[in-house]
């Protein structure tokens, strides 16, 4: 009896399985196709990613090579032509490899060349160059947190923006604060719930952000000291002392910390330097 019942159960299970397959044939076929294509897709992805990385590395090599030739060229006209070629290549790399090291490197080269142009007496479009430098520096500064260039350009952008009023020498500032503010994300322009109202305020926001987000970077030293300096300028003495004390407590035996200790003592006359 038991043997007979078992024999009857098998056809029933078989019928149910066939029925399930028939009812879900399309889903099963799609699932099988996906499982088949996954390894192929992953392989293709790996190949494409590898090619992009290789192309990006080659582009950076070419950029470095062309950029290096600029300093060796003595003819002013030829030098300008080389600069133009390097800028074209840098623009192409920035557009092709967004978010990658190659793009950050190209932005850095573009910043350097534009700074050199900015320093030349014959330059007439200083306002556009300044805005380009700020935009490129912010792009690097807001790049991957793991990149060593991110904290470097937070500090660079802070110093550059703070010094914009002095870039024209005895002339009026070549670019207005209202033109720079929209180029900088609110992450850096709102500090202690207060909107930036000057170039120095933006610089303070950048230094402050760097001091919070990049404690392991060498640029933390410069960021903390300058955040303290600008906090002083804002008459926020307790916050300035806090930045200086952080340098003294966590990063001893360097010039930035020594300057911070001196400033802390100046702000706290009753304290003695250890």
C-alpha atoms as a PDB file:
ATOM      1  CA  UNK A   1       0.000   0.000   0.000  1.00  0.00           C
ATOM      2  CA  UNK A   2       2.750   2.406   0.961  1.00  0.00           C
ATOM      3  CA  UNK A   3       4.701   1.498  -2.152  1.00  0.00           C
ATOM      4  CA  UNK A   4       1.644   2.112  -4.299  1.00  0.00           C
ATOM      5  CA  UNK A   5       1.021   5.528  -2.678  1.00  0.00           C
ATOM      6  CA  UNK A   6       4.600   6.542  -3.362  1.00  0.00           C
ATOM      7  CA  UNK A   7       4.287   5.593  -6.992  1.00  0.00           C
ATOM      8  CA  UNK A   8       1.163   7.737  -7.337  1.00  0.00           C
ATOM      9  CA  UNK A   9       2.842  10.740  -5.648  1.00  0.00           C
ATOM     10  CA  UNK A  10       5.672  10.870  -8.162  1.00  0.00           C
ATOM     11  CA  UNK A  11       3.463  11.528 -11.217  1.00  0.00           C
ATOM     12  CA  UNK A  12       1.607  14.177  -9.262  1.00  0.00           C
ATOM     13  CA  UNK A  13       4.860  15.992  -8.415  1.00  0.00           C
ATOM     14  CA  UNK A  14       5.981  15.678 -12.004  1.00  0.00           C
ATOM     15  CA  UNK A  15       2.720  17.138 -13.256  1.00  0.00           C
ATOM     16  CA  UNK A  16       2.971  20.013 -10.780  1.00  0.00           C
ATOM     17  CA  UNK A  17       6.530  20.750 -11.873  1.00  0.00           C
ATOM     18  CA  UNK A  18       5.550  20.727 -15.528  1.00  0.00           C
ATOM     19  CA  UNK A  19       2.594  22.927 -14.756  1.00  0.00           C
ATOM     20  CA  UNK A  20       4.798  25.383 -12.867  1.00  0.00           C
ATOM     21  CA  UNK A  21       7.305  25.509 -15.733  1.00  0.00           C
ATOM     22  CA  UNK A  22       4.553  26.073 -18.291  1.00  0.00           C
ATOM     23  CA  UNK A  23       2.967  28.833 -16.216  1.00  0.00           C
ATOM     24  CA  UNK A  24       6.272  30.600 -15.554  1.00  0.00           C
ATOM     25  CA  UNK A  25       8.136  29.773 -18.744  1.00  0.00           C
ATOM     26  CA  UNK A  26       8.871  33.394 -19.631  1.00  0.00           C
ATOM     27  CA  UNK A  27      10.190  34.229 -16.168  1.00  0.00           C
ATOM     28  CA  UNK A  28      12.371  31.115 -16.109  1.00  0.00           C
ATOM     29  CA  UNK A  29      13.810  31.873 -19.538  1.00  0.00           C
ATOM     30  CA  UNK A  30      14.592  35.476 -18.546  1.00  0.00           C
ATOM     31  CA  UNK A  31      16.185  34.341 -15.273  1.00  0.00           C
ATOM     32  CA  UNK A  32      18.325  31.792 -17.103  1.00  0.00           C
ATOM     33  CA  UNK A  33      19.367  34.400 -19.656  1.00  0.00           C
ATOM     34  CA  UNK A  34      20.325  36.840 -16.892  1.00  0.00           C
ATOM     35  CA  UNK A  35      22.382  34.190 -15.103  1.00  0.00           C
ATOM     36  CA  UNK A  36      24.080  33.371 -18.385  1.00  0.00           C
ATOM     37  CA  UNK A  37      24.773  36.994 -19.271  1.00  0.00           C
ATOM     38  CA  UNK A  38      26.008  38.103 -15.838  1.00  0.00           C
ATOM     39  CA  UNK A  39      29.520  36.640 -16.227  1.00  0.00           C
ATOM     40  CA  UNK A  40      29.699  37.985 -19.774  1.00  0.00           C
ATOM     41  CA  UNK A  41      28.546  41.434 -18.633  1.00  0.00           C
ATOM     42  CA  UNK A  42      31.046  41.457 -15.790  1.00  0.00           C
ATOM     43  CA  UNK A  43      33.839  40.480 -18.167  1.00  0.00           C
ATOM     44  CA  UNK A  44      32.873  43.250 -20.582  1.00  0.00           C
ATOM     45  CA  UNK A  45      32.664  45.732 -17.694  1.00  0.00           C
ATOM     46  CA  UNK A  46      36.135  44.726 -16.517  1.00  0.00           C
ATOM     47  CA  UNK A  47      37.533  45.122 -20.014  1.00  0.00           C
ATOM     48  CA  UNK A  48      35.916  48.532 -20.526  1.00  0.00           C
ATOM     49  CA  UNK A  49      37.010  49.757 -17.086  1.00  0.00           C
ATOM     50  CA  UNK A  50      40.543  48.555 -17.723  1.00  0.00           C
ATOM     51  CA  UNK A  51      40.634  50.303 -21.106  1.00  0.00           C
ATOM     52  CA  UNK A  52      39.324  53.563 -19.627  1.00  0.00           C
ATOM     53  CA  UNK A  53      41.919  53.422 -16.845  1.00  0.00           C
ATOM     54  CA  UNK A  54      44.644  52.711 -19.399  1.00  0.00           C
ATOM     55  CA  UNK A  55      43.521  55.542 -21.669  1.00  0.00           C
ATOM     56  CA  UNK A  56      43.334  57.908 -18.687  1.00  0.00           C
ATOM     57  CA  UNK A  57      46.858  56.995 -17.564  1.00  0.00           C
ATOM     58  CA  UNK A  58      48.192  57.532 -21.091  1.00  0.00           C
ATOM     59  CA  UNK A  59      46.446  60.913 -21.269  1.00  0.00           C
ATOM     60  CA  UNK A  60      48.061  61.997 -18.002  1.00  0.00           C
ATOM     61  CA  UNK A  61      51.459  60.858 -19.287  1.00  0.00           C
ATOM     62  CA  UNK A  62      50.982  62.892 -22.477  1.00  0.00           C
ATOM     63  CA  UNK A  63      49.802  65.887 -20.421  1.00  0.00           C
ATOM     64  CA  UNK A  64      52.851  65.739 -18.137  1.00  0.00           C
ATOM     65  CA  UNK A  65      55.136  65.423 -21.138  1.00  0.00           C
ATOM     66  CA  UNK A  66      53.654  68.434 -22.939  1.00  0.00           C
ATOM     67  CA  UNK A  67      53.465  70.497 -19.756  1.00  0.00           C
ATOM     68  CA  UNK A  68      57.120  69.781 -18.998  1.00  0.00           C
ATOM     69  CA  UNK A  69      58.158  71.191 -22.381  1.00  0.00           C
ATOM     70  CA  UNK A  70      56.642  74.589 -21.564  1.00  0.00           C
ATOM     71  CA  UNK A  71      59.306  75.448 -18.980  1.00  0.00           C
ATOM     72  CA  UNK A  72      62.057  74.459 -21.432  1.00  0.00           C
ATOM     73  CA  UNK A  73      60.802  76.701 -24.241  1.00  0.00           C
ATOM     74  CA  UNK A  74      62.499  80.103 -24.390  1.00  0.00           C
ATOM     75  CA  UNK A  75      60.661  81.577 -27.361  1.00  0.00           C
ATOM     76  CA  UNK A  76      57.604  83.492 -25.991  1.00  0.00           C
ATOM     77  CA  UNK A  77      55.384  82.758 -28.990  1.00  0.00           C
ATOM     78  CA  UNK A  78      56.220  79.065 -29.076  1.00  0.00           C
ATOM     79  CA  UNK A  79      55.660  78.931 -25.335  1.00  0.00           C
ATOM     80  CA  UNK A  80      52.157  80.355 -25.758  1.00  0.00           C
ATOM     81  CA  UNK A  81      51.426  77.773 -28.443  1.00  0.00           C
ATOM     82  CA  UNK A  82      52.561  74.981 -26.127  1.00  0.00           C
ATOM     83  CA  UNK A  83      50.363  76.386 -23.346  1.00  0.00           C
ATOM     84  CA  UNK A  84      47.383  76.437 -25.693  1.00  0.00           C
ATOM     85  CA  UNK A  85      48.002  72.791 -26.683  1.00  0.00           C
ATOM     86  CA  UNK A  86      48.289  71.738 -23.041  1.00  0.00           C
ATOM     87  CA  UNK A  87      45.055  73.532 -22.151  1.00  0.00           C
ATOM     88  CA  UNK A  88      43.226  71.807 -25.019  1.00  0.00           C
ATOM     89  CA  UNK A  89      44.466  68.412 -23.816  1.00  0.00           C
ATOM     90  CA  UNK A  90      43.595  69.274 -20.202  1.00  0.00           C
ATOM     91  CA  UNK A  91      40.067  70.287 -21.239  1.00  0.00           C
ATOM     92  CA  UNK A  92      39.667  66.978 -23.082  1.00  0.00           C
ATOM     93  CA  UNK A  93      40.841  64.935 -20.079  1.00  0.00           C
ATOM     94  CA  UNK A  94      38.537  66.804 -17.687  1.00  0.00           C
ATOM     95  CA  UNK A  95      35.602  66.116 -19.983  1.00  0.00           C
ATOM     96  CA  UNK A  96      36.459  62.451 -20.562  1.00  0.00           C
ATOM     97  CA  UNK A  97      37.502  61.208 -17.119  1.00  0.00           C
ATOM     98  CA  UNK A  98      35.305  63.011 -14.609  1.00  0.00           C
ATOM     99  CA  UNK A  99      35.805  61.805 -11.036  1.00  0.00           C
ATOM    100  CA  UNK A 100      39.108  60.084 -11.831  1.00  0.00           C
ATOM    101  CA  UNK A 101      42.650  61.047 -10.871  1.00  0.00           C
ATOM    102  CA  UNK A 102      43.326  61.948 -14.511  1.00  0.00           C
ATOM    103  CA  UNK A 103      40.652  64.640 -14.341  1.00  0.00           C
ATOM    104  CA  UNK A 104      42.028  66.031 -11.071  1.00  0.00           C
ATOM    105  CA  UNK A 105      45.531  66.136 -12.545  1.00  0.00           C
ATOM    106  CA  UNK A 106      44.285  67.939 -15.655  1.00  0.00           C
ATOM    107  CA  UNK A 107      42.433  70.462 -13.487  1.00  0.00           C
ATOM    108  CA  UNK A 108      45.633  71.041 -11.505  1.00  0.00           C
ATOM    109  CA  UNK A 109      47.602  71.715 -14.682  1.00  0.00           C
ATOM    110  CA  UNK A 110      44.882  74.073 -15.906  1.00  0.00           C
ATOM    111  CA  UNK A 111      44.968  75.941 -12.593  1.00  0.00           C
ATOM    112  CA  UNK A 112      48.754  76.286 -12.744  1.00  0.00           C
ATOM    113  CA  UNK A 113      48.718  77.648 -16.292  1.00  0.00           C
ATOM    114  CA  UNK A 114      45.914  80.080 -15.504  1.00  0.00           C
ATOM    115  CA  UNK A 115      47.789  81.301 -12.425  1.00  0.00           C
ATOM    116  CA  UNK A 116      50.832  81.965 -14.603  1.00  0.00           C
ATOM    117  CA  UNK A 117      48.672  83.917 -17.041  1.00  0.00           C
ATOM    118  CA  UNK A 118      47.142  85.837 -14.157  1.00  0.00           C
ATOM    119  CA  UNK A 119      50.585  86.997 -13.014  1.00  0.00           C
ATOM    120  CA  UNK A 120      51.487  88.489 -16.389  1.00  0.00           C
ATOM    121  CA  UNK A 121      51.122  92.290 -16.658  1.00  0.00           C
ATOM    122  CA  UNK A 122      49.699  92.075 -20.184  1.00  0.00           C
ATOM    123  CA  UNK A 123      46.822  89.805 -19.154  1.00  0.00           C
ATOM    124  CA  UNK A 124      43.479  91.530 -19.662  1.00  0.00           C
ATOM    125  CA  UNK A 125      40.906  88.862 -18.790  1.00  0.00           C
ATOM    126  CA  UNK A 126      41.862  88.501 -15.122  1.00  0.00           C
ATOM    127  CA  UNK A 127      38.280  88.216 -13.933  1.00  0.00           C
ATOM    128  CA  UNK A 128      37.634  85.172 -16.148  1.00  0.00           C
ATOM    129  CA  UNK A 129      40.917  83.551 -15.128  1.00  0.00           C
ATOM    130  CA  UNK A 130      40.135  84.022 -11.432  1.00  0.00           C
ATOM    131  CA  UNK A 131      36.696  82.474 -11.796  1.00  0.00           C
ATOM    132  CA  UNK A 132      38.165  79.583 -13.787  1.00  0.00           C
ATOM    133  CA  UNK A 133      40.806  78.942 -11.122  1.00  0.00           C
ATOM    134  CA  UNK A 134      38.205  79.001  -8.333  1.00  0.00           C
ATOM    135  CA  UNK A 135      35.882  76.678 -10.260  1.00  0.00           C
ATOM    136  CA  UNK A 136      38.649  74.171 -11.008  1.00  0.00           C
ATOM    137  CA  UNK A 137      40.005  74.253  -7.446  1.00  0.00           C
ATOM    138  CA  UNK A 138      36.531  73.609  -6.035  1.00  0.00           C
ATOM    139  CA  UNK A 139      36.091  70.683  -8.455  1.00  0.00           C
ATOM    140  CA  UNK A 140      39.225  69.068  -7.069  1.00  0.00           C
ATOM    141  CA  UNK A 141      38.330  69.981  -3.479  1.00  0.00           C
ATOM    142  CA  UNK A 142      34.951  68.273  -3.802  1.00  0.00           C
ATOM    143  CA  UNK A 143      36.425  65.165  -5.404  1.00  0.00           C
ATOM    144  CA  UNK A 144      36.850  61.738  -3.802  1.00  0.00           C
ATOM    145  CA  UNK A 145      37.523  62.003  -0.057  1.00  0.00           C
ATOM    146  CA  UNK A 146      40.225  59.350  -0.412  1.00  0.00           C
ATOM    147  CA  UNK A 147      42.230  61.437  -2.895  1.00  0.00           C
ATOM    148  CA  UNK A 148      45.287  63.239  -1.496  1.00  0.00           C
ATOM    149  CA  UNK A 149      44.446  66.122  -3.830  1.00  0.00           C
ATOM    150  CA  UNK A 150      41.107  66.844  -2.131  1.00  0.00           C
ATOM    151  CA  UNK A 151      42.478  68.403   1.109  1.00  0.00           C
ATOM    152  CA  UNK A 152      45.317  70.012  -0.838  1.00  0.00           C
ATOM    153  CA  UNK A 153      42.864  71.949  -2.970  1.00  0.00           C
ATOM    154  CA  UNK A 154      40.535  72.779  -0.095  1.00  0.00           C
ATOM    155  CA  UNK A 155      43.496  74.660   1.362  1.00  0.00           C
ATOM    156  CA  UNK A 156      44.544  76.042  -2.031  1.00  0.00           C
ATOM    157  CA  UNK A 157      41.029  77.294  -2.802  1.00  0.00           C
ATOM    158  CA  UNK A 158      40.799  78.914   0.644  1.00  0.00           C
ATOM    159  CA  UNK A 159      44.109  80.761   0.258  1.00  0.00           C
ATOM    160  CA  UNK A 160      43.389  81.794  -3.340  1.00  0.00           C
ATOM    161  CA  UNK A 161      39.876  83.084  -2.613  1.00  0.00           C
ATOM    162  CA  UNK A 162      41.003  84.994   0.476  1.00  0.00           C
ATOM    163  CA  UNK A 163      43.672  86.747  -1.585  1.00  0.00           C
ATOM    164  CA  UNK A 164      41.479  87.657  -4.569  1.00  0.00           C
ATOM    165  CA  UNK A 165      41.278  91.347  -3.498  1.00  0.00           C
ATOM    166  CA  UNK A 166      45.079  91.634  -3.666  1.00  0.00           C
ATOM    167  CA  UNK A 167      45.472  90.048  -7.104  1.00  0.00           C
ATOM    168  CA  UNK A 168      45.029  93.356  -8.908  1.00  0.00           C
ATOM    169  CA  UNK A 169      47.739  95.124  -6.906  1.00  0.00           C
ATOM    170  CA  UNK A 170      46.841  98.775  -6.497  1.00  0.00           C
ATOM    171  CA  UNK A 171      43.824  98.476  -8.778  1.00  0.00           C
ATOM    172  CA  UNK A 172      40.314  97.519  -7.756  1.00  0.00           C
ATOM    173  CA  UNK A 173      39.648  93.808  -7.316  1.00  0.00           C
ATOM    174  CA  UNK A 174      39.265  92.256 -10.795  1.00  0.00           C
ATOM    175  CA  UNK A 175      36.273  90.189  -9.674  1.00  0.00           C
ATOM    176  CA  UNK A 176      33.475  90.889  -7.211  1.00  0.00           C
ATOM    177  CA  UNK A 177      32.538  88.724  -4.243  1.00  0.00           C
ATOM    178  CA  UNK A 178      29.036  88.270  -5.668  1.00  0.00           C
ATOM    179  CA  UNK A 179      30.589  86.622  -8.739  1.00  0.00           C
ATOM    180  CA  UNK A 180      32.605  84.114  -6.695  1.00  0.00           C
ATOM    181  CA  UNK A 181      29.980  83.112  -4.113  1.00  0.00           C
ATOM    182  CA  UNK A 182      27.809  81.081  -6.554  1.00  0.00           C
ATOM    183  CA  UNK A 183      30.879  79.084  -7.628  1.00  0.00           C
ATOM    184  CA  UNK A 184      31.362  77.664  -4.124  1.00  0.00           C
ATOM    185  CA  UNK A 185      28.982  75.043  -2.647  1.00  0.00           C
ATOM    186  CA  UNK A 186      27.022  76.000   0.471  1.00  0.00           C
ATOM    187  CA  UNK A 187      28.959  73.310   2.337  1.00  0.00           C
ATOM    188  CA  UNK A 188      31.779  75.845   2.480  1.00  0.00           C
ATOM    189  CA  UNK A 189      29.891  79.145   2.492  1.00  0.00           C
ATOM    190  CA  UNK A 190      27.698  78.597   5.542  1.00  0.00           C
ATOM    191  CA  UNK A 191      29.608  78.384   8.819  1.00  0.00           C
ATOM    192  CA  UNK A 192      27.836  78.314  12.180  1.00  0.00           C
ATOM    193  CA  UNK A 193      24.549  78.931  10.335  1.00  0.00           C
ATOM    194  CA  UNK A 194      25.907  82.199   8.958  1.00  0.00           C
ATOM    195  CA  UNK A 195      26.163  82.840   5.209  1.00  0.00           C
ATOM    196  CA  UNK A 196      29.526  84.021   3.906  1.00  0.00           C
ATOM    197  CA  UNK A 197      29.636  87.768   3.289  1.00  0.00           C
ATOM    198  CA  UNK A 198      33.254  88.168   2.153  1.00  0.00           C
ATOM    199  CA  UNK A 199      36.146  86.358   0.497  1.00  0.00           C
ATOM    200  CA  UNK A 200      37.604  85.739   3.963  1.00  0.00           C
ATOM    201  CA  UNK A 201      34.342  84.107   5.086  1.00  0.00           C
ATOM    202  CA  UNK A 202      34.512  81.604   2.197  1.00  0.00           C
ATOM    203  CA  UNK A 203      38.150  80.879   3.021  1.00  0.00           C
ATOM    204  CA  UNK A 204      37.167  80.286   6.645  1.00  0.00           C
ATOM    205  CA  UNK A 205      34.499  77.813   5.556  1.00  0.00           C
ATOM    206  CA  UNK A 206      36.975  75.887   3.392  1.00  0.00           C
ATOM    207  CA  UNK A 207      39.645  75.753   6.110  1.00  0.00           C
ATOM    208  CA  UNK A 208      37.059  74.759   8.705  1.00  0.00           C
ATOM    209  CA  UNK A 209      35.699  71.960   6.514  1.00  0.00           C
ATOM    210  CA  UNK A 210      39.193  70.640   5.790  1.00  0.00           C
ATOM    211  CA  UNK A 211      40.014  70.620   9.513  1.00  0.00           C
ATOM    212  CA  UNK A 212      36.942  68.469  10.207  1.00  0.00           C
ATOM    213  CA  UNK A 213      37.105  66.070   7.281  1.00  0.00           C
ATOM    214  CA  UNK A 214      40.825  65.456   6.738  1.00  0.00           C
ATOM    215  CA  UNK A 215      42.389  64.883  10.139  1.00  0.00           C
ATOM    216  CA  UNK A 216      44.922  62.427   8.681  1.00  0.00           C
ATOM    217  CA  UNK A 217      46.141  64.738   5.923  1.00  0.00           C
ATOM    218  CA  UNK A 218      49.260  66.868   6.211  1.00  0.00           C
ATOM    219  CA  UNK A 219      47.098  69.818   5.137  1.00  0.00           C
ATOM    220  CA  UNK A 220      45.209  69.649   8.451  1.00  0.00           C
ATOM    221  CA  UNK A 221      48.019  71.711  10.023  1.00  0.00           C
ATOM    222  CA  UNK A 222      47.605  74.636   7.644  1.00  0.00           C
ATOM    223  CA  UNK A 223      43.823  74.326   7.733  1.00  0.00           C
ATOM    224  CA  UNK A 224      43.601  74.436  11.544  1.00  0.00           C
ATOM    225  CA  UNK A 225      45.955  77.399  11.914  1.00  0.00           C
ATOM    226  CA  UNK A 226      44.246  79.462   9.245  1.00  0.00           C
ATOM    227  CA  UNK A 227      40.797  78.553  10.542  1.00  0.00           C
ATOM    228  CA  UNK A 228      41.967  79.895  13.910  1.00  0.00           C
ATOM    229  CA  UNK A 229      43.414  83.027  12.303  1.00  0.00           C
ATOM    230  CA  UNK A 230      40.180  83.763  10.456  1.00  0.00           C
ATOM    231  CA  UNK A 231      38.084  82.960  13.529  1.00  0.00           C
ATOM    232  CA  UNK A 232      40.098  85.667  15.278  1.00  0.00           C
ATOM    233  CA  UNK A 233      39.321  88.064  12.450  1.00  0.00           C
ATOM    234  CA  UNK A 234      35.635  87.260  12.951  1.00  0.00           C
ATOM    235  CA  UNK A 235      36.025  88.112  16.679  1.00  0.00           C
ATOM    236  CA  UNK A 236      35.171  84.515  17.559  1.00  0.00           C
ATOM    237  CA  UNK A 237      37.979  84.166  20.077  1.00  0.00           C
ATOM    238  CA  UNK A 238      36.752  80.958  21.797  1.00  0.00           C
ATOM    239  CA  UNK A 239      36.586  79.196  18.418  1.00  0.00           C
ATOM    240  CA  UNK A 240      40.023  80.505  17.437  1.00  0.00           C
ATOM    241  CA  UNK A 241      41.499  79.188  20.679  1.00  0.00           C
ATOM    242  CA  UNK A 242      39.795  75.842  20.038  1.00  0.00           C
ATOM    243  CA  UNK A 243      41.524  75.506  16.646  1.00  0.00           C
ATOM    244  CA  UNK A 244      44.887  76.488  18.112  1.00  0.00           C
ATOM    245  CA  UNK A 245      44.492  74.068  21.013  1.00  0.00           C
ATOM    246  CA  UNK A 246      43.642  71.238  18.634  1.00  0.00           C
ATOM    247  CA  UNK A 247      46.902  71.845  16.792  1.00  0.00           C
ATOM    248  CA  UNK A 248      48.799  71.961  20.071  1.00  0.00           C
ATOM    249  CA  UNK A 249      47.122  68.814  21.412  1.00  0.00           C
ATOM    250  CA  UNK A 250      47.097  66.584  18.329  1.00  0.00           C
ATOM    251  CA  UNK A 251      49.925  67.790  16.069  1.00  0.00           C
ATOM    252  CA  UNK A 252      52.999  68.782  18.075  1.00  0.00           C
ATOM    253  CA  UNK A 253      56.474  69.792  16.889  1.00  0.00           C
ATOM    254  CA  UNK A 254      55.861  71.672  13.657  1.00  0.00           C
ATOM    255  CA  UNK A 255      55.869  75.312  12.575  1.00  0.00           C
ATOM    256  CA  UNK A 256      52.075  75.589  12.270  1.00  0.00           C
ATOM    257  CA  UNK A 257      51.636  74.340  15.829  1.00  0.00           C
ATOM    258  CA  UNK A 258      54.342  76.660  17.146  1.00  0.00           C
ATOM    259  CA  UNK A 259      52.569  79.627  15.563  1.00  0.00           C
ATOM    260  CA  UNK A 260      49.263  78.382  16.999  1.00  0.00           C
ATOM    261  CA  UNK A 261      50.761  78.191  20.494  1.00  0.00           C
ATOM    262  CA  UNK A 262      51.987  81.781  20.185  1.00  0.00           C
ATOM    263  CA  UNK A 263      48.558  82.950  19.066  1.00  0.00           C
ATOM    264  CA  UNK A 264      46.822  81.075  21.877  1.00  0.00           C
ATOM    265  CA  UNK A 265      49.112  82.677  24.433  1.00  0.00           C
ATOM    266  CA  UNK A 266      48.454  86.107  22.913  1.00  0.00           C
ATOM    267  CA  UNK A 267      44.722  85.491  23.270  1.00  0.00           C
ATOM    268  CA  UNK A 268      45.136  84.081  26.789  1.00  0.00           C
ATOM    269  CA  UNK A 269      47.738  86.328  28.443  1.00  0.00           C
ATOM    270  CA  UNK A 270      47.491  84.428  31.728  1.00  0.00           C
ATOM    271  CA  UNK A 271      48.592  81.168  30.112  1.00  0.00           C
ATOM    272  CA  UNK A 272      52.215  80.138  29.888  1.00  0.00           C
ATOM    273  CA  UNK A 273      53.843  78.351  26.978  1.00  0.00           C
ATOM    274  CA  UNK A 274      54.996  74.889  28.009  1.00  0.00           C
END
